[in-house]
């Protein structure tokens, strides 16, 4: 019974990840592009020079 619950939870988590990941990446893009445009000037090379 415990193994069945574990497998069911694992399947639900996999399906949730497949469903939600593209939506979260779209939100991340929209947030960075439209809601906080000044964040685009900050990148990894700016931190390396500091």
N, C-alpha and C. Protein backbone atom coordinates (compact mmCIF):
# COMPACT_ATOMS: atom_id res chain seq x y z
N UNK A 1 0.83 -1.20 0.00
CA UNK A 1 0.00 0.00 0.00
C UNK A 1 0.87 1.26 0.00
N UNK A 2 1.92 1.30 0.82
CA UNK A 2 2.80 2.46 0.91
C UNK A 2 3.52 2.69 -0.42
N UNK A 3 3.94 1.62 -1.09
CA UNK A 3 4.61 1.75 -2.38
C UNK A 3 3.66 2.30 -3.43
N UNK A 4 2.39 1.91 -3.34
CA UNK A 4 1.39 2.41 -4.28
C UNK A 4 1.18 3.91 -4.09
N UNK A 5 1.13 4.36 -2.85
CA UNK A 5 0.98 5.79 -2.57
C UNK A 5 2.20 6.56 -3.07
N UNK A 6 3.38 5.99 -2.85
CA UNK A 6 4.62 6.64 -3.30
C UNK A 6 4.64 6.78 -4.83
N UNK A 7 4.28 5.72 -5.54
CA UNK A 7 4.26 5.77 -7.00
C UNK A 7 3.21 6.75 -7.51
N UNK A 8 2.05 6.79 -6.84
CA UNK A 8 1.00 7.72 -7.23
C UNK A 8 1.46 9.17 -7.02
N UNK A 9 2.10 9.45 -5.90
CA UNK A 9 2.60 10.79 -5.62
C UNK A 9 3.69 11.17 -6.62
N UNK A 10 4.54 10.21 -6.96
CA UNK A 10 5.61 10.47 -7.93
C UNK A 10 5.02 10.81 -9.31
N UNK A 11 3.99 10.10 -9.73
CA UNK A 11 3.35 10.37 -11.01
C UNK A 11 2.66 11.73 -11.01
N UNK A 12 1.99 12.07 -9.93
CA UNK A 12 1.32 13.38 -9.83
C UNK A 12 2.34 14.50 -9.88
N UNK A 13 3.47 14.34 -9.19
CA UNK A 13 4.52 15.37 -9.19
C UNK A 13 5.11 15.54 -10.59
N UNK A 14 5.30 14.45 -11.30
CA UNK A 14 5.84 14.53 -12.66
C UNK A 14 4.89 15.27 -13.58
N UNK A 15 3.60 14.93 -13.50
CA UNK A 15 2.60 15.60 -14.34
C UNK A 15 2.47 17.08 -13.98
N UNK A 16 2.55 17.40 -12.70
CA UNK A 16 2.47 18.80 -12.27
C UNK A 16 3.66 19.60 -12.80
N UNK A 17 4.84 19.00 -12.77
CA UNK A 17 6.04 19.66 -13.29
C UNK A 17 5.91 19.91 -14.79
N UNK A 18 5.46 18.90 -15.53
CA UNK A 18 5.29 19.04 -16.98
C UNK A 18 4.26 20.12 -17.29
N UNK A 19 3.21 20.21 -16.50
CA UNK A 19 2.16 21.19 -16.72
C UNK A 19 2.62 22.60 -16.34
N UNK A 20 3.28 22.73 -15.20
CA UNK A 20 3.55 24.06 -14.65
C UNK A 20 4.84 24.69 -15.16
N UNK A 21 5.82 23.92 -15.55
CA UNK A 21 7.12 24.49 -15.92
C UNK A 21 7.03 25.52 -17.05
N UNK A 22 6.37 25.22 -18.18
CA UNK A 22 6.28 26.25 -19.24
C UNK A 22 5.55 27.51 -18.78
N UNK A 23 4.53 27.34 -17.96
CA UNK A 23 3.79 28.50 -17.46
C UNK A 23 4.68 29.36 -16.57
N UNK A 24 5.48 28.74 -15.72
CA UNK A 24 6.38 29.49 -14.85
C UNK A 24 7.47 30.19 -15.64
N UNK A 25 7.98 29.57 -16.69
CA UNK A 25 9.00 30.20 -17.52
C UNK A 25 8.42 31.39 -18.28
N UNK A 26 7.17 31.28 -18.74
CA UNK A 26 6.51 32.41 -19.38
C UNK A 26 6.33 33.56 -18.41
N UNK A 27 5.95 33.25 -17.17
CA UNK A 27 5.80 34.29 -16.16
C UNK A 27 7.14 34.95 -15.88
N UNK A 28 8.18 34.16 -15.79
CA UNK A 28 9.52 34.70 -15.55
C UNK A 28 9.92 35.66 -16.67
N UNK A 29 9.66 35.27 -17.91
CA UNK A 29 9.99 36.13 -19.05
C UNK A 29 9.19 37.42 -19.01
N UNK A 30 7.87 37.30 -18.75
CA UNK A 30 7.02 38.49 -18.70
C UNK A 30 7.45 39.41 -17.57
N UNK A 31 7.76 38.86 -16.43
CA UNK A 31 8.17 39.66 -15.28
C UNK A 31 9.46 40.41 -15.60
N UNK A 32 10.42 39.70 -16.17
CA UNK A 32 11.71 40.32 -16.47
C UNK A 32 11.60 41.34 -17.60
N UNK A 33 10.72 41.09 -18.56
CA UNK A 33 10.64 41.97 -19.73
C UNK A 33 9.74 43.17 -19.52
N UNK A 34 8.61 42.97 -18.88
CA UNK A 34 7.60 44.03 -18.85
C UNK A 34 7.41 44.65 -17.48
N UNK A 35 7.49 43.86 -16.45
CA UNK A 35 7.19 44.38 -15.12
C UNK A 35 8.41 45.01 -14.45
N UNK A 36 9.60 44.48 -14.75
CA UNK A 36 10.83 45.00 -14.15
C UNK A 36 11.89 45.14 -15.25
N UNK A 37 11.72 46.05 -16.19
CA UNK A 37 12.66 46.13 -17.31
C UNK A 37 14.08 46.52 -16.89
N UNK A 38 14.26 47.20 -15.75
CA UNK A 38 15.62 47.58 -15.35
C UNK A 38 16.45 46.36 -14.94
N UNK A 39 15.82 45.22 -14.68
CA UNK A 39 16.57 44.03 -14.31
C UNK A 39 17.33 43.44 -15.48
N UNK A 40 16.98 43.80 -16.71
CA UNK A 40 17.66 43.25 -17.87
C UNK A 40 19.10 43.73 -17.96
N UNK A 41 19.40 44.86 -17.34
CA UNK A 41 20.77 45.38 -17.38
C UNK A 41 21.71 44.60 -16.47
N UNK A 42 21.16 43.84 -15.55
CA UNK A 42 21.97 43.07 -14.62
C UNK A 42 22.17 41.67 -15.18
N UNK A 43 23.41 41.28 -15.36
CA UNK A 43 23.70 39.92 -15.80
C UNK A 43 24.92 39.39 -15.05
N UNK A 44 25.34 38.21 -15.38
CA UNK A 44 26.41 37.54 -14.63
C UNK A 44 27.73 38.30 -14.79
N UNK A 45 27.99 38.86 -15.96
CA UNK A 45 29.27 39.53 -16.16
C UNK A 45 29.38 40.79 -15.30
N UNK A 46 28.25 41.44 -15.03
CA UNK A 46 28.29 42.60 -14.14
C UNK A 46 28.72 42.20 -12.74
N UNK A 47 28.29 41.04 -12.28
CA UNK A 47 28.69 40.57 -10.96
C UNK A 47 30.15 40.16 -10.96
N UNK A 48 30.65 39.63 -12.06
CA UNK A 48 32.04 39.18 -12.11
C UNK A 48 32.98 40.38 -12.03
N UNK A 49 32.59 41.54 -12.55
CA UNK A 49 33.43 42.72 -12.53
C UNK A 49 33.42 43.46 -11.21
N UNK A 50 32.44 43.17 -10.39
CA UNK A 50 32.30 43.91 -9.11
C UNK A 50 33.36 43.54 -8.11
